[in-house]
Amino acid sequence: MKSFLNLEGKLILITGASAGIGKQLAIQLNQCGARLALIGSNQGRLESLKNELGNARHTYIHFDVTQLDKIPNLIQTLVEGEGPITGYVNCVGMRSRRPLNLLTSEHVQEIFTSNYFSFLEFIKNICKKKNYQSGLSIVQISSIASERGAPSVTAYAGSKAAVDASIRCLAKELAPKGIRLNSVVPAQTNTPIFQELLAASEGKPDPTLQRQFLGLGEPEDVSNLIMFLLSERSRFISGHALPIDGGFLIN
């Protein structure tokens, strides 16, 4: 795997790294010899990941990505200490299930700050001169909600669709700098968030899984695609939202 993906020694920044897909990605990148800067908002889970990886070459940062004004200093400090960034993966995704009559401007602002504005702020600062290496690959975890409608997920779906649309624009804008951007679009994946949704459904069948004819995805299924997009093997791919959905979007 090391020779195929060629990630040895590369510095990969992951936001939302302490659980679910972000955690699985960190585990696999560690096995491939990458250096990792892992950002999480849950101190306990971040410490648990540190113990699990057991590797001194990684950097662990407890940080709330909604603190937009602190992101520039965070990136500057990271680069000064660890060197330019080779890859950035955003695994942050605040969920929202509220019908229209319960949506408030404050709640929508909260969702977009977490899922969209923070992503733009990270990219803006990572892509400054001397903060990245040429060949930088940026990957965002999107959602099938950005492409298919469903009741009560208006704010969440809107935030993910905004990121996907922005990636198409930024891919063209940043290509002259040698920077690629893509998003991956998972359907239902066996993460802690999915297990919480399952528990809240009180045994009712998940309508999404009924359309996912390849069954429930695992975090590793998504992280495998992300690792490919981080590597030079995907150097001719940019500006796309790539489904990894168990067949949902064609069913």
C-alpha atoms as a PDB file:
ATOM      1  CA  MET A   1       0.000   0.000   0.000  1.00  0.00           C
ATOM      2  CA  LYS A   2       2.852   2.387   0.773  1.00  0.00           C
ATOM      3  CA  SER A   3       4.347   2.158  -2.712  1.00  0.00           C
ATOM      4  CA  PHE A   4       0.979   2.381  -4.484  1.00  0.00           C
ATOM      5  CA  LEU A   5      -0.290   5.449  -2.618  1.00  0.00           C
ATOM      6  CA  ASN A   6       3.094   7.078  -1.869  1.00  0.00           C
ATOM      7  CA  LEU A   7       1.977   8.908   1.298  1.00  0.00           C
ATOM      8  CA  GLU A   8       5.134   8.246   3.317  1.00  0.00           C
ATOM      9  CA  GLY A   9       6.126  11.328   5.319  1.00  0.00           C
ATOM     10  CA  LYS A  10       3.452  13.597   3.822  1.00  0.00           C
ATOM     11  CA  LEU A  11       1.693  15.969   6.222  1.00  0.00           C
ATOM     12  CA  ILE A  12      -2.082  15.417   6.143  1.00  0.00           C
ATOM     13  CA  LEU A  13      -4.409  17.690   8.131  1.00  0.00           C
ATOM     14  CA  ILE A  14      -7.751  16.174   9.181  1.00  0.00           C
ATOM     15  CA  THR A  15     -10.544  18.161  10.819  1.00  0.00           C
ATOM     16  CA  GLY A  16     -13.129  16.044  12.617  1.00  0.00           C
ATOM     17  CA  ALA A  17     -10.505  13.347  13.140  1.00  0.00           C
ATOM     18  CA  SER A  18     -11.543  11.833  16.454  1.00  0.00           C
ATOM     19  CA  ALA A  19     -14.547   9.715  15.412  1.00  0.00           C
ATOM     20  CA  GLY A  20     -16.224   7.928  12.506  1.00  0.00           C
ATOM     21  CA  ILE A  21     -14.724   8.324   9.052  1.00  0.00           C
ATOM     22  CA  GLY A  22     -12.081  10.806  10.250  1.00  0.00           C
ATOM     23  CA  LYS A  23     -10.787   8.356  12.847  1.00  0.00           C
ATOM     24  CA  GLN A  24     -10.679   5.476  10.366  1.00  0.00           C
ATOM     25  CA  LEU A  25      -8.830   7.667   7.866  1.00  0.00           C
ATOM     26  CA  ALA A  26      -6.262   8.591  10.524  1.00  0.00           C
ATOM     27  CA  ILE A  27      -5.680   4.915  11.327  1.00  0.00           C
ATOM     28  CA  GLN A  28      -5.106   3.993   7.676  1.00  0.00           C
ATOM     29  CA  LEU A  29      -2.902   7.002   6.917  1.00  0.00           C
ATOM     30  CA  ASN A  30      -0.814   6.143   9.965  1.00  0.00           C
ATOM     31  CA  GLN A  31      -0.303   2.650   8.528  1.00  0.00           C
ATOM     32  CA  CYS A  32       0.852   4.229   5.260  1.00  0.00           C
ATOM     33  CA  GLY A  33       3.540   6.285   6.973  1.00  0.00           C
ATOM     34  CA  ALA A  34       1.933   9.718   6.651  1.00  0.00           C
ATOM     35  CA  ARG A  35       2.475  12.449   9.229  1.00  0.00           C
ATOM     36  CA  LEU A  36      -0.845  13.615  10.635  1.00  0.00           C
ATOM     37  CA  ALA A  37      -2.219  16.812  12.145  1.00  0.00           C
ATOM     38  CA  LEU A  38      -5.457  15.683  13.784  1.00  0.00           C
ATOM     39  CA  ILE A  39      -8.052  18.220  14.873  1.00  0.00           C
ATOM     40  CA  GLY A  40     -11.023  17.273  17.040  1.00  0.00           C
ATOM     41  CA  SER A  41     -13.496  19.081  19.270  1.00  0.00           C
ATOM     42  CA  ASN A  42     -13.811  16.202  21.766  1.00  0.00           C
ATOM     43  CA  GLN A  43     -10.735  16.080  23.984  1.00  0.00           C
ATOM     44  CA  GLY A  44     -11.471  12.596  25.318  1.00  0.00           C
ATOM     45  CA  ARG A  45     -11.865  11.013  21.878  1.00  0.00           C
ATOM     46  CA  LEU A  46      -8.758  12.818  20.634  1.00  0.00           C
ATOM     47  CA  GLU A  47      -6.726  11.390  23.521  1.00  0.00           C
ATOM     48  CA  SER A  48      -8.141   7.943  22.796  1.00  0.00           C
ATOM     49  CA  LEU A  49      -7.050   8.213  19.161  1.00  0.00           C
ATOM     50  CA  LYS A  50      -3.587   9.343  20.246  1.00  0.00           C
ATOM     51  CA  ASN A  51      -3.248   6.257  22.424  1.00  0.00           C
ATOM     52  CA  GLU A  52      -4.530   4.011  19.642  1.00  0.00           C
ATOM     53  CA  LEU A  53      -2.118   5.329  17.006  1.00  0.00           C
ATOM     54  CA  GLY A  54       0.795   5.397  19.438  1.00  0.00           C
ATOM     55  CA  ASN A  55       2.956   7.417  17.078  1.00  0.00           C
ATOM     56  CA  ALA A  56       5.043  10.402  18.168  1.00  0.00           C
ATOM     57  CA  ARG A  57       5.259  11.895  14.676  1.00  0.00           C
ATOM     58  CA  HIS A  58       1.627  13.078  14.745  1.00  0.00           C
ATOM     59  CA  THR A  59       0.189  16.358  16.060  1.00  0.00           C
ATOM     60  CA  TYR A  60      -3.091  16.432  18.018  1.00  0.00           C
ATOM     61  CA  ILE A  61      -5.067  19.661  18.308  1.00  0.00           C
ATOM     62  CA  HIS A  62      -8.172  20.171  20.435  1.00  0.00           C
ATOM     63  CA  PHE A  63     -10.073  22.860  18.537  1.00  0.00           C
ATOM     64  CA  ASP A  64     -13.611  24.004  17.751  1.00  0.00           C
ATOM     65  CA  VAL A  65     -13.752  24.737  14.008  1.00  0.00           C
ATOM     66  CA  THR A  66     -16.576  27.252  14.498  1.00  0.00           C
ATOM     67  CA  GLN A  67     -14.003  29.643  16.012  1.00  0.00           C
ATOM     68  CA  LEU A  68     -13.370  31.098  12.583  1.00  0.00           C
ATOM     69  CA  ASP A  69     -11.197  33.980  13.774  1.00  0.00           C
ATOM     70  CA  LYS A  70      -8.692  31.545  15.339  1.00  0.00           C
ATOM     71  CA  ILE A  71      -8.151  29.401  12.235  1.00  0.00           C
ATOM     72  CA  PRO A  72      -5.451  31.628  10.643  1.00  0.00           C
ATOM     73  CA  ASN A  73      -3.243  31.424  13.745  1.00  0.00           C
ATOM     74  CA  LEU A  74      -3.852  27.671  14.057  1.00  0.00           C
ATOM     75  CA  ILE A  75      -2.635  27.036  10.491  1.00  0.00           C
ATOM     76  CA  GLN A  76       0.340  29.379  10.859  1.00  0.00           C
ATOM     77  CA  THR A  77       1.426  27.680  14.090  1.00  0.00           C
ATOM     78  CA  LEU A  78       1.012  24.222  12.556  1.00  0.00           C
ATOM     79  CA  VAL A  79       3.081  25.053   9.476  1.00  0.00           C
ATOM     80  CA  GLU A  80       5.808  26.718  11.535  1.00  0.00           C
ATOM     81  CA  GLY A  81       6.106  23.604  13.653  1.00  0.00           C
ATOM     82  CA  GLU A  82       5.527  20.812  11.125  1.00  0.00           C
ATOM     83  CA  GLY A  83       6.179  22.265   7.665  1.00  0.00           C
ATOM     84  CA  PRO A  84       3.897  22.802   4.647  1.00  0.00           C
ATOM     85  CA  ILE A  85       0.674  20.816   4.311  1.00  0.00           C
ATOM     86  CA  THR A  86       0.380  18.112   1.635  1.00  0.00           C
ATOM     87  CA  GLY A  87      -3.267  17.152   2.100  1.00  0.00           C
ATOM     88  CA  TYR A  88      -6.352  18.415   3.906  1.00  0.00           C
ATOM     89  CA  VAL A  89      -9.484  16.382   4.661  1.00  0.00           C
ATOM     90  CA  ASN A  90     -12.565  17.916   6.273  1.00  0.00           C
ATOM     91  CA  CYS A  91     -14.645  15.325   8.120  1.00  0.00           C
ATOM     92  CA  VAL A  92     -16.685  17.845  10.130  1.00  0.00           C
ATOM     93  CA  GLY A  93     -20.414  17.604   9.558  1.00  0.00           C
ATOM     94  CA  MET A  94     -22.916  18.899  12.100  1.00  0.00           C
ATOM     95  CA  ARG A  95     -26.219  17.083  11.572  1.00  0.00           C
ATOM     96  CA  SER A  96     -29.597  18.801  11.595  1.00  0.00           C
ATOM     97  CA  ARG A  97     -33.086  17.327  11.447  1.00  0.00           C
ATOM     98  CA  ARG A  98     -35.644  20.104  11.814  1.00  0.00           C
ATOM     99  CA  PRO A  99     -38.829  20.736   9.847  1.00  0.00           C
ATOM    100  CA  LEU A 100     -39.259  24.156   8.297  1.00  0.00           C
ATOM    101  CA  ASN A 101     -41.440  25.538  11.090  1.00  0.00           C
ATOM    102  CA  LEU A 102     -38.671  24.818  13.632  1.00  0.00           C
ATOM    103  CA  LEU A 103     -35.820  26.291  11.570  1.00  0.00           C
ATOM    104  CA  THR A 104     -34.445  29.529  12.972  1.00  0.00           C
ATOM    105  CA  SER A 105     -31.873  31.812  11.435  1.00  0.00           C
ATOM    106  CA  GLU A 106     -29.619  31.123  14.437  1.00  0.00           C
ATOM    107  CA  HIS A 107     -29.764  27.361  13.865  1.00  0.00           C
ATOM    108  CA  VAL A 108     -29.085  27.664  10.125  1.00  0.00           C
ATOM    109  CA  GLN A 109     -26.164  29.992  10.896  1.00  0.00           C
ATOM    110  CA  GLU A 110     -24.775  27.398  13.337  1.00  0.00           C
ATOM    111  CA  ILE A 111     -24.987  24.615  10.747  1.00  0.00           C
ATOM    112  CA  PHE A 112     -23.364  26.695   8.011  1.00  0.00           C
ATOM    113  CA  THR A 113     -20.605  27.949  10.319  1.00  0.00           C
ATOM    114  CA  SER A 114     -19.678  24.380  11.212  1.00  0.00           C
ATOM    115  CA  ASN A 115     -20.150  22.719   7.818  1.00  0.00           C
ATOM    116  CA  TYR A 116     -19.364  25.459   5.291  1.00  0.00           C
ATOM    117  CA  PHE A 117     -17.778  28.671   6.595  1.00  0.00           C
ATOM    118  CA  SER A 118     -15.101  26.821   8.586  1.00  0.00           C
ATOM    119  CA  PHE A 119     -14.167  24.754   5.519  1.00  0.00           C
ATOM    120  CA  LEU A 120     -13.668  27.914   3.444  1.00  0.00           C
ATOM    121  CA  GLU A 121     -11.593  29.514   6.209  1.00  0.00           C
ATOM    122  CA  PHE A 122      -9.332  26.467   6.477  1.00  0.00           C
ATOM    123  CA  ILE A 123      -8.830  26.356   2.709  1.00  0.00           C
ATOM    124  CA  LYS A 124      -8.130  30.087   2.487  1.00  0.00           C
ATOM    125  CA  ASN A 125      -5.361  29.819   5.073  1.00  0.00           C
ATOM    126  CA  ILE A 126      -3.914  26.481   3.940  1.00  0.00           C
ATOM    127  CA  CYS A 127      -3.615  27.786   0.385  1.00  0.00           C
ATOM    128  CA  LYS A 128      -1.495  30.784   1.327  1.00  0.00           C
ATOM    129  CA  LYS A 129       2.063  30.844   0.025  1.00  0.00           C
ATOM    130  CA  LYS A 130       4.488  28.666   2.035  1.00  0.00           C
ATOM    131  CA  ASN A 131       1.631  26.917   3.882  1.00  0.00           C
ATOM    132  CA  TYR A 132       1.254  24.078   1.367  1.00  0.00           C
ATOM    133  CA  GLN A 133       3.247  21.910  -0.986  1.00  0.00           C
ATOM    134  CA  SER A 134       2.524  21.912  -4.709  1.00  0.00           C
ATOM    135  CA  GLY A 135       0.297  18.948  -5.411  1.00  0.00           C
ATOM    136  CA  LEU A 136      -1.875  19.716  -2.373  1.00  0.00           C
ATOM    137  CA  SER A 137      -5.056  17.637  -2.398  1.00  0.00           C
ATOM    138  CA  ILE A 138      -8.144  18.812  -0.494  1.00  0.00           C
ATOM    139  CA  VAL A 139     -11.021  16.432   0.207  1.00  0.00           C
ATOM    140  CA  GLN A 140     -14.389  17.236   1.763  1.00  0.00           C
ATOM    141  CA  ILE A 141     -16.837  14.651   3.098  1.00  0.00           C
ATOM    142  CA  SER A 142     -20.209  15.605   1.639  1.00  0.00           C
ATOM    143  CA  SER A 143     -23.473  13.647   1.779  1.00  0.00           C
ATOM    144  CA  ILE A 144     -26.150  12.206  -0.464  1.00  0.00           C
ATOM    145  CA  ALA A 145     -28.357  14.877   1.141  1.00  0.00           C
ATOM    146  CA  SER A 146     -26.610  17.394  -1.127  1.00  0.00           C
ATOM    147  CA  GLU A 147     -28.056  15.608  -4.185  1.00  0.00           C
ATOM    148  CA  ARG A 148     -31.360  14.070  -3.039  1.00  0.00           C
ATOM    149  CA  GLY A 149     -34.166  15.727  -1.128  1.00  0.00           C
ATOM    150  CA  ALA A 150     -35.548  14.507   2.191  1.00  0.00           C
ATOM    151  CA  PRO A 151     -37.831  16.061   4.814  1.00  0.00           C
ATOM    152  CA  SER A 152     -36.380  18.010   7.743  1.00  0.00           C
ATOM    153  CA  VAL A 153     -32.737  18.091   6.566  1.00  0.00           C
ATOM    154  CA  THR A 154     -32.936  21.424   4.724  1.00  0.00           C
ATOM    155  CA  ALA A 155     -30.145  23.197   6.631  1.00  0.00           C
ATOM    156  CA  TYR A 156     -27.783  20.217   6.614  1.00  0.00           C
ATOM    157  CA  ALA A 157     -28.376  19.455   2.923  1.00  0.00           C
ATOM    158  CA  GLY A 158     -27.930  23.122   2.043  1.00  0.00           C
ATOM    159  CA  SER A 159     -24.582  23.322   3.830  1.00  0.00           C
ATOM    160  CA  LYS A 160     -23.255  20.220   2.059  1.00  0.00           C
ATOM    161  CA  ALA A 161     -24.511  21.393  -1.342  1.00  0.00           C
ATOM    162  CA  ALA A 162     -22.807  24.758  -0.759  1.00  0.00           C
ATOM    163  CA  VAL A 163     -19.476  23.014  -0.186  1.00  0.00           C
ATOM    164  CA  ASP A 164     -19.847  20.854  -3.301  1.00  0.00           C
ATOM    165  CA  ALA A 165     -20.661  23.902  -5.445  1.00  0.00           C
ATOM    166  CA  SER A 166     -17.728  25.845  -4.005  1.00  0.00           C
ATOM    167  CA  ILE A 167     -15.327  22.969  -4.699  1.00  0.00           C
ATOM    168  CA  ARG A 168     -16.232  23.089  -8.400  1.00  0.00           C
ATOM    169  CA  CYS A 169     -15.335  26.786  -8.442  1.00  0.00           C
ATOM    170  CA  LEU A 170     -12.199  26.512  -6.308  1.00  0.00           C
ATOM    171  CA  ALA A 171     -10.874  23.590  -8.349  1.00  0.00           C
ATOM    172  CA  LYS A 172     -10.609  25.928 -11.351  1.00  0.00           C
ATOM    173  CA  GLU A 173      -9.367  28.905  -9.331  1.00  0.00           C
ATOM    174  CA  LEU A 174      -6.611  26.998  -7.511  1.00  0.00           C
ATOM    175  CA  ALA A 175      -5.452  24.684 -10.311  1.00  0.00           C
ATOM    176  CA  PRO A 176      -2.693  27.128 -11.393  1.00  0.00           C
ATOM    177  CA  LYS A 177      -1.214  26.712  -7.891  1.00  0.00           C
ATOM    178  CA  GLY A 178      -1.081  22.931  -8.285  1.00  0.00           C
ATOM    179  CA  ILE A 179      -4.000  22.385  -5.877  1.00  0.00           C
ATOM    180  CA  ARG A 180      -6.791  19.845  -6.390  1.00  0.00           C
ATOM    181  CA  LEU A 181     -10.154  19.735  -4.589  1.00  0.00           C
ATOM    182  CA  ASN A 182     -12.790  17.003  -4.515  1.00  0.00           C
ATOM    183  CA  SER A 183     -15.603  15.840  -2.284  1.00  0.00           C
ATOM    184  CA  VAL A 184     -16.741  12.316  -1.518  1.00  0.00           C
ATOM    185  CA  VAL A 185     -20.470  11.661  -1.184  1.00  0.00           C
ATOM    186  CA  PRO A 186     -21.299   8.818   1.223  1.00  0.00           C
ATOM    187  CA  ALA A 187     -24.720   7.372   1.901  1.00  0.00           C
ATOM    188  CA  GLN A 188     -25.472   5.696   5.251  1.00  0.00           C
ATOM    189  CA  THR A 189     -22.217   4.598   6.867  1.00  0.00           C
ATOM    190  CA  ASN A 190     -21.731   2.685  10.096  1.00  0.00           C
ATOM    191  CA  THR A 191     -20.475   5.569  12.243  1.00  0.00           C
ATOM    192  CA  PRO A 192     -21.440   6.651  15.785  1.00  0.00           C
ATOM    193  CA  ILE A 193     -23.813   9.233  14.276  1.00  0.00           C
ATOM    194  CA  PHE A 194     -25.618   6.502  12.308  1.00  0.00           C
ATOM    195  CA  GLN A 195     -25.912   4.374  15.441  1.00  0.00           C
ATOM    196  CA  GLU A 196     -27.497   7.333  17.242  1.00  0.00           C
ATOM    197  CA  LEU A 197     -30.008   7.771  14.422  1.00  0.00           C
ATOM    198  CA  LEU A 198     -30.750   4.049  14.517  1.00  0.00           C
ATOM    199  CA  ALA A 199     -31.405   4.166  18.258  1.00  0.00           C
ATOM    200  CA  ALA A 200     -33.703   7.177  17.857  1.00  0.00           C
ATOM    201  CA  SER A 201     -35.765   5.410  15.165  1.00  0.00           C
ATOM    202  CA  GLU A 202     -37.019   2.852  17.730  1.00  0.00           C
ATOM    203  CA  GLY A 203     -36.629  -0.115  15.397  1.00  0.00           C
ATOM    204  CA  LYS A 204     -38.187   1.476  12.304  1.00  0.00           C
ATOM    205  CA  PRO A 205     -36.402   0.540   9.041  1.00  0.00           C
ATOM    206  CA  ASP A 206     -34.068   3.166   7.629  1.00  0.00           C
ATOM    207  CA  PRO A 207     -35.525   4.345   4.286  1.00  0.00           C
ATOM    208  CA  THR A 208     -32.047   5.224   3.014  1.00  0.00           C
ATOM    209  CA  LEU A 209     -30.770   1.692   3.575  1.00  0.00           C
ATOM    210  CA  GLN A 210     -33.745   0.332   1.639  1.00  0.00           C
ATOM    211  CA  ARG A 211     -32.343   2.100  -1.452  1.00  0.00           C
ATOM    212  CA  GLN A 212     -28.705   1.222  -0.678  1.00  0.00           C
ATOM    213  CA  PHE A 213     -28.624  -2.152  -2.428  1.00  0.00           C
ATOM    214  CA  LEU A 214     -25.001  -2.844  -1.437  1.00  0.00           C
ATOM    215  CA  GLY A 215     -25.940  -2.513   2.223  1.00  0.00           C
ATOM    216  CA  LEU A 216     -24.592  -0.351   5.024  1.00  0.00           C
ATOM    217  CA  GLY A 217     -21.201   1.190   4.302  1.00  0.00           C
ATOM    218  CA  GLU A 218     -18.256   1.025   6.690  1.00  0.00           C
ATOM    219  CA  PRO A 219     -15.918   3.968   7.477  1.00  0.00           C
ATOM    220  CA  GLU A 220     -13.104   2.099   5.725  1.00  0.00           C
ATOM    221  CA  ASP A 221     -15.075   2.114   2.460  1.00  0.00           C
ATOM    222  CA  VAL A 222     -15.059   5.911   2.488  1.00  0.00           C
ATOM    223  CA  SER A 223     -11.511   6.356   3.784  1.00  0.00           C
ATOM    224  CA  ASN A 224     -10.147   4.115   1.002  1.00  0.00           C
ATOM    225  CA  LEU A 225     -11.481   6.561  -1.584  1.00  0.00           C
ATOM    226  CA  ILE A 226     -10.169   9.560   0.354  1.00  0.00           C
ATOM    227  CA  MET A 227      -6.688   8.039   0.525  1.00  0.00           C
ATOM    228  CA  PHE A 228      -6.698   7.590  -3.243  1.00  0.00           C
ATOM    229  CA  LEU A 229      -7.719  11.234  -3.714  1.00  0.00           C
ATOM    230  CA  LEU A 230      -4.902  12.354  -1.396  1.00  0.00           C
ATOM    231  CA  SER A 231      -2.337  10.433  -3.412  1.00  0.00           C
ATOM    232  CA  GLU A 232      -0.649  11.343  -6.683  1.00  0.00           C
ATOM    233  CA  ARG A 233      -2.508   8.438  -8.297  1.00  0.00           C
ATOM    234  CA  SER A 234      -5.524  10.758  -8.536  1.00  0.00           C
ATOM    235  CA  ARG A 235      -3.588  13.716  -9.985  1.00  0.00           C
ATOM    236  CA  PHE A 236      -6.001  14.016 -12.954  1.00  0.00           C
ATOM    237  CA  ILE A 237      -9.152  14.304 -10.799  1.00  0.00           C
ATOM    238  CA  SER A 238     -10.371  17.663  -9.487  1.00  0.00           C
ATOM    239  CA  GLY A 239     -13.647  19.503  -8.939  1.00  0.00           C
ATOM    240  CA  HIS A 240     -15.816  16.416  -8.540  1.00  0.00           C
ATOM    241  CA  ALA A 241     -18.304  15.078  -6.000  1.00  0.00           C
ATOM    242  CA  LEU A 242     -17.620  11.337  -6.070  1.00  0.00           C
ATOM    243  CA  PRO A 243     -20.392   9.053  -4.779  1.00  0.00           C
ATOM    244  CA  ILE A 244     -19.554   6.184  -2.456  1.00  0.00           C
ATOM    245  CA  ASP A 245     -23.112   5.286  -1.649  1.00  0.00           C
ATOM    246  CA  GLY A 246     -23.809   1.568  -1.956  1.00  0.00           C
ATOM    247  CA  GLY A 247     -25.879   2.305  -5.075  1.00  0.00           C
ATOM    248  CA  PHE A 248     -28.236   4.827  -3.451  1.00  0.00           C
ATOM    249  CA  LEU A 249     -27.993   7.569  -6.059  1.00  0.00           C
ATOM    250  CA  ILE A 250     -28.802   5.298  -9.002  1.00  0.00           C
ATOM    251  CA  ASN A 251     -31.686   3.498  -7.293  1.00  0.00           C
END
